[in-house]
Amino acid sequence: MRTHIEGKELRALMLLHALLVFFSFSGVFSKLASRETFLSLRFCLFYAGLILILGVYAIFWQQIIKRLPISIAYANKAVSVIWSMIWGAILFGESISLKKIIGGVIVITGIILFSSGESHEQD
């Protein structure tokens, strides 16, 4: 069973979570674009922002999975659900219900349990 995270793996996890915060803005740009008239200037700008975010995310995702087991990277990706909920509340005035909070706690607990479980890496 793994009891600690190596320095390189910790840096990769921190980069992954910063990347997931960045990725969560794709939902913000998508929602902003959906509020605009199709092909209007503002729609195109929000859509271009969305594509830029997804492109940058794809490049950095490739770098992350070089440094972390893919199972760990994908398990941590679920945290983007939490960030989407936070941005919805802050930027769009959406409510965060008790059920959403419980769901968020379950997601975080799952990530922690999965990431701290036995290492299945080949020696």
Foldseek 3Di string as FASTA:
>chain_A
DDDDDDPLLVVLVVVLVVLLLLLLCLVVLVVQLVVDDPPDPSNVVSVVVSVVSVVVSVVVVVVSVVRDPVVLSVLVSLCSLVSNVVCCCPPVVDDQDPVNVVVNVVSVVSSVPVVRDDDPDDD
